[in-house]
């Protein structure tokens, strides 16, 4: 399993978790609370967590190609829903 993560500074990570999960829930399996979320795509999954002004993202996928696609999908939607608060998502390979 391939993994990557990102930490995105934001004034309200819980709001972004709610927006992303609610949006994706119309097409994929999505679970969320005020502090955590889980998006399950056909190509992998992404966990979202609220940490003191930071939105933590952890994505996993079976292949490197699917992981890259998953990261692009999650990042593009996050940037769009952040109302100009997030300009980019810097993904980092997850360390075992």
N, C-alpha and C. Protein backbone atom coordinates (compact mmCIF):
# COMPACT_ATOMS: atom_id res chain seq x y z
N UNK A 1 0.86 -1.18 0.00
CA UNK A 1 0.00 0.00 0.00
C UNK A 1 0.90 1.23 0.00
N UNK A 2 0.59 2.18 -0.86
CA UNK A 2 1.34 3.43 -0.95
C UNK A 2 0.61 4.50 -0.13
N UNK A 3 1.38 5.36 0.55
CA UNK A 3 0.78 6.37 1.43
C UNK A 3 1.48 7.71 1.29
N UNK A 4 0.73 8.76 1.59
CA UNK A 4 1.28 10.10 1.67
C UNK A 4 0.42 10.93 2.61
N UNK A 5 0.99 12.03 3.08
CA UNK A 5 0.24 12.88 4.00
C UNK A 5 0.57 14.33 3.75
N UNK A 6 -0.27 15.19 4.31
CA UNK A 6 -0.08 16.64 4.21
C UNK A 6 -0.69 17.29 5.44
N UNK A 7 -0.11 18.43 5.82
CA UNK A 7 -0.66 19.27 6.88
C UNK A 7 -0.92 20.64 6.28
N UNK A 8 -2.17 21.06 6.35
CA UNK A 8 -2.59 22.32 5.72
C UNK A 8 -3.06 23.27 6.81
N UNK A 9 -2.40 24.44 6.91
CA UNK A 9 -2.81 25.45 7.89
C UNK A 9 -4.14 26.06 7.47
N UNK A 10 -5.06 26.16 8.42
CA UNK A 10 -6.38 26.73 8.16
C UNK A 10 -6.99 27.21 9.47
N UNK A 11 -7.80 28.23 9.41
CA UNK A 11 -8.41 28.75 10.63
C UNK A 11 -9.53 27.85 11.14
N UNK A 12 -10.11 27.03 10.26
CA UNK A 12 -11.21 26.18 10.69
C UNK A 12 -11.16 24.81 9.99
N UNK A 13 -10.27 23.92 10.44
CA UNK A 13 -10.17 22.61 9.79
C UNK A 13 -11.47 21.80 9.85
N UNK A 14 -12.24 21.95 10.91
CA UNK A 14 -13.50 21.20 11.03
C UNK A 14 -14.48 21.57 9.92
N UNK A 15 -14.51 22.84 9.57
CA UNK A 15 -15.40 23.31 8.49
C UNK A 15 -15.01 22.66 7.17
N UNK A 16 -13.71 22.58 6.92
CA UNK A 16 -13.25 21.97 5.67
C UNK A 16 -13.52 20.47 5.64
N UNK A 17 -13.37 19.79 6.78
CA UNK A 17 -13.70 18.36 6.84
C UNK A 17 -15.17 18.18 6.48
N UNK A 18 -16.04 18.98 7.07
CA UNK A 18 -17.47 18.89 6.82
C UNK A 18 -17.79 19.16 5.34
N UNK A 19 -17.20 20.20 4.78
CA UNK A 19 -17.48 20.56 3.38
C UNK A 19 -17.02 19.47 2.42
N UNK A 20 -15.79 19.00 2.60
CA UNK A 20 -15.25 17.97 1.71
C UNK A 20 -16.05 16.68 1.79
N UNK A 21 -16.28 16.23 3.01
CA UNK A 21 -16.98 14.95 3.18
C UNK A 21 -18.42 15.03 2.69
N UNK A 22 -19.09 16.13 2.97
CA UNK A 22 -20.47 16.29 2.51
C UNK A 22 -20.51 16.29 0.98
N UNK A 23 -19.57 17.00 0.35
CA UNK A 23 -19.51 17.04 -1.11
C UNK A 23 -19.29 15.65 -1.69
N UNK A 24 -18.27 14.96 -1.20
CA UNK A 24 -17.93 13.65 -1.75
C UNK A 24 -18.97 12.59 -1.43
N UNK A 25 -19.76 12.78 -0.37
CA UNK A 25 -20.73 11.75 0.05
C UNK A 25 -21.80 11.51 -1.01
N UNK A 26 -21.93 12.42 -1.98
CA UNK A 26 -22.91 12.23 -3.05
C UNK A 26 -22.43 11.22 -4.09
N UNK A 27 -21.12 10.91 -4.08
CA UNK A 27 -20.57 10.00 -5.10
C UNK A 27 -19.82 8.80 -4.53
N UNK A 28 -19.28 8.94 -3.32
CA UNK A 28 -18.49 7.87 -2.71
C UNK A 28 -18.90 7.70 -1.25
N UNK A 29 -18.34 6.69 -0.61
CA UNK A 29 -18.59 6.49 0.81
C UNK A 29 -17.79 7.52 1.60
N UNK A 30 -18.47 8.26 2.48
CA UNK A 30 -17.82 9.29 3.29
C UNK A 30 -18.41 9.25 4.69
N UNK A 31 -17.53 9.29 5.68
CA UNK A 31 -17.94 9.35 7.08
C UNK A 31 -17.22 10.53 7.70
N UNK A 32 -17.90 11.26 8.59
CA UNK A 32 -17.22 12.38 9.23
C UNK A 32 -17.88 12.79 10.52
N UNK A 33 -17.06 13.42 11.35
CA UNK A 33 -17.51 14.05 12.58
C UNK A 33 -16.93 15.46 12.57
N UNK A 34 -17.00 16.15 13.68
CA UNK A 34 -16.47 17.51 13.72
C UNK A 34 -14.94 17.53 13.61
N UNK A 35 -14.29 16.45 14.02
CA UNK A 35 -12.82 16.45 14.06
C UNK A 35 -12.14 15.47 13.11
N UNK A 36 -12.90 14.56 12.49
CA UNK A 36 -12.30 13.54 11.64
C UNK A 36 -13.20 13.22 10.45
N UNK A 37 -12.56 12.73 9.39
CA UNK A 37 -13.32 12.29 8.23
C UNK A 37 -12.62 11.15 7.53
N UNK A 38 -13.37 10.36 6.79
CA UNK A 38 -12.82 9.27 6.00
C UNK A 38 -13.53 9.26 4.66
N UNK A 39 -12.75 9.40 3.58
CA UNK A 39 -13.27 9.35 2.22
C UNK A 39 -12.76 8.07 1.58
N UNK A 40 -13.69 7.21 1.11
CA UNK A 40 -13.30 5.94 0.51
C UNK A 40 -13.62 5.96 -0.98
N UNK A 41 -12.57 6.12 -1.78
CA UNK A 41 -12.68 6.14 -3.23
C UNK A 41 -12.42 4.74 -3.78
N UNK A 42 -12.72 4.50 -5.04
CA UNK A 42 -12.41 3.21 -5.65
C UNK A 42 -10.90 3.00 -5.77
N UNK A 43 -10.13 4.08 -5.76
CA UNK A 43 -8.68 3.98 -5.93
C UNK A 43 -7.90 4.08 -4.62
N UNK A 44 -8.58 4.32 -3.51
CA UNK A 44 -7.90 4.44 -2.23
C UNK A 44 -8.75 5.20 -1.23
N UNK A 45 -8.14 5.59 -0.12
CA UNK A 45 -8.88 6.32 0.90
C UNK A 45 -8.06 7.47 1.44
N UNK A 46 -8.77 8.45 1.99
CA UNK A 46 -8.12 9.61 2.59
C UNK A 46 -8.77 9.88 3.94
N UNK A 47 -7.93 9.97 4.96
CA UNK A 47 -8.38 10.32 6.31
C UNK A 47 -8.08 11.79 6.56
N UNK A 48 -9.02 12.48 7.18
CA UNK A 48 -8.87 13.90 7.49
C UNK A 48 -9.00 14.08 8.99
N UNK A 49 -8.13 14.91 9.57
CA UNK A 49 -8.16 15.17 11.01
C UNK A 49 -7.95 16.64 11.28
N UNK A 50 -8.64 17.13 12.29
CA UNK A 50 -8.50 18.51 12.72
C UNK A 50 -7.52 18.56 13.89
N UNK A 51 -6.44 19.36 13.72
CA UNK A 51 -5.41 19.46 14.76
C UNK A 51 -5.03 20.92 14.98
N UNK A 52 -5.62 21.61 15.94
CA UNK A 52 -5.23 22.98 16.31
C UNK A 52 -4.82 23.87 15.14
N UNK A 53 -5.75 24.20 14.29
CA UNK A 53 -5.46 25.09 13.18
C UNK A 53 -4.78 24.43 12.00
N UNK A 54 -4.79 23.11 11.99
CA UNK A 54 -4.19 22.36 10.89
C UNK A 54 -5.15 21.26 10.46
N UNK A 55 -5.30 21.12 9.15
CA UNK A 55 -6.05 20.00 8.60
C UNK A 55 -5.02 18.96 8.17
N UNK A 56 -5.03 17.81 8.82
CA UNK A 56 -4.11 16.72 8.49
C UNK A 56 -4.80 15.77 7.52
N UNK A 57 -4.11 15.43 6.44
CA UNK A 57 -4.61 14.52 5.41
C UNK A 57 -3.68 13.33 5.32
N UNK A 58 -4.25 12.12 5.30
CA UNK A 58 -3.47 10.90 5.13
C UNK A 58 -4.16 10.05 4.08
N UNK A 59 -3.48 9.83 2.94
CA UNK A 59 -4.06 9.07 1.84
C UNK A 59 -3.30 7.77 1.62
N UNK A 60 -4.04 6.73 1.24
CA UNK A 60 -3.47 5.42 0.91
C UNK A 60 -4.11 4.90 -0.36
N UNK A 61 -3.31 4.22 -1.19
CA UNK A 61 -3.82 3.62 -2.41
C UNK A 61 -2.94 2.41 -2.75
N UNK A 62 -3.48 1.45 -3.50
CA UNK A 62 -2.72 0.24 -3.84
C UNK A 62 -1.50 0.50 -4.72
N UNK A 63 -1.57 1.50 -5.62
CA UNK A 63 -0.45 1.76 -6.52
C UNK A 63 -0.03 3.23 -6.42
N UNK A 64 1.19 3.51 -6.85
CA UNK A 64 1.69 4.89 -6.84
C UNK A 64 0.86 5.78 -7.76
N UNK A 65 0.42 5.23 -8.89
CA UNK A 65 -0.39 6.01 -9.83
C UNK A 65 -1.73 6.39 -9.22
N UNK A 66 -2.37 5.43 -8.55
CA UNK A 66 -3.66 5.71 -7.91
C UNK A 66 -3.49 6.71 -6.77
N UNK A 67 -2.39 6.59 -6.03
CA UNK A 67 -2.12 7.52 -4.94
C UNK A 67 -1.96 8.94 -5.48
N UNK A 68 -1.24 9.09 -6.57
CA UNK A 68 -1.06 10.42 -7.18
C UNK A 68 -2.41 10.99 -7.61
N UNK A 69 -3.24 10.17 -8.26
CA UNK A 69 -4.57 10.63 -8.69
C UNK A 69 -5.43 11.02 -7.49
N UNK A 70 -5.40 10.19 -6.45
CA UNK A 70 -6.17 10.46 -5.24
C UNK A 70 -5.74 11.80 -4.63
N UNK A 71 -4.44 12.01 -4.54
CA UNK A 71 -3.93 13.27 -3.99
C UNK A 71 -4.37 14.47 -4.79
N UNK A 72 -4.38 14.34 -6.12
CA UNK A 72 -4.81 15.45 -6.97
C UNK A 72 -6.29 15.75 -6.78
N UNK A 73 -7.11 14.72 -6.67
CA UNK A 73 -8.56 14.91 -6.48
C UNK A 73 -8.85 15.59 -5.14
N UNK A 74 -8.24 15.08 -4.07
CA UNK A 74 -8.49 15.64 -2.74
C UNK A 74 -7.96 17.07 -2.67
N UNK A 75 -6.75 17.31 -3.17
CA UNK A 75 -6.16 18.66 -3.10
C UNK A 75 -6.97 19.67 -3.91
N UNK A 76 -7.38 19.31 -5.12
CA UNK A 76 -8.12 20.27 -5.95
C UNK A 76 -9.45 20.65 -5.29
N UNK A 77 -10.13 19.69 -4.69
CA UNK A 77 -11.39 20.00 -4.02
C UNK A 77 -11.15 20.82 -2.75
N UNK A 78 -10.12 20.49 -2.01
CA UNK A 78 -9.80 21.24 -0.79
C UNK A 78 -9.52 22.71 -1.13
N UNK A 79 -8.73 22.94 -2.15
CA UNK A 79 -8.40 24.31 -2.56
C UNK A 79 -9.67 25.04 -2.98
N UNK A 80 -10.53 24.37 -3.74
CA UNK A 80 -11.77 25.00 -4.20
C UNK A 80 -12.71 25.34 -3.04
N UNK A 81 -12.82 24.45 -2.06
CA UNK A 81 -13.76 24.66 -0.96
C UNK A 81 -13.22 25.54 0.16
N UNK A 82 -11.94 25.89 0.11
CA UNK A 82 -11.34 26.64 1.22
C UNK A 82 -11.59 28.14 1.13
N UNK A 83 -12.22 28.61 0.07
CA UNK A 83 -12.49 30.04 -0.11
C UNK A 83 -11.20 30.86 -0.07
N UNK A 84 -10.22 30.46 -0.84
CA UNK A 84 -8.93 31.14 -0.97
C UNK A 84 -8.04 31.05 0.26
N UNK A 85 -8.42 30.27 1.24
CA UNK A 85 -7.58 30.11 2.44
C UNK A 85 -6.42 29.14 2.18
N UNK A 86 -6.65 28.17 1.31
CA UNK A 86 -5.62 27.19 0.97
C UNK A 86 -5.25 27.38 -0.50
N UNK A 87 -3.97 27.64 -0.75
CA UNK A 87 -3.51 27.86 -2.13
C UNK A 87 -2.95 26.59 -2.74
N UNK A 88 -2.35 25.72 -1.91
CA UNK A 88 -1.80 24.47 -2.41
C UNK A 88 -1.72 23.46 -1.29
N UNK A 89 -1.60 22.20 -1.68
CA UNK A 89 -1.41 21.10 -0.73
C UNK A 89 -0.08 20.46 -1.06
N UNK A 90 0.81 20.45 -0.09
CA UNK A 90 2.15 19.87 -0.28
C UNK A 90 2.15 18.46 0.30
N UNK A 91 2.08 17.46 -0.58
CA UNK A 91 2.06 16.06 -0.16
C UNK A 91 3.46 15.58 0.18
N UNK A 92 3.56 14.74 1.19
CA UNK A 92 4.82 14.13 1.60
C UNK A 92 4.65 12.62 1.66
N UNK A 93 5.66 11.86 1.22
CA UNK A 93 5.56 10.40 1.34
C UNK A 93 5.43 10.02 2.82
N UNK A 94 4.56 9.09 3.11
CA UNK A 94 4.40 8.62 4.50
C UNK A 94 5.58 7.73 4.85
N UNK A 95 6.09 7.90 6.05
CA UNK A 95 7.18 7.05 6.50
C UNK A 95 6.63 5.92 7.34
N UNK A 96 7.20 4.76 7.13
CA UNK A 96 6.70 3.57 7.84
C UNK A 96 7.22 3.51 9.25
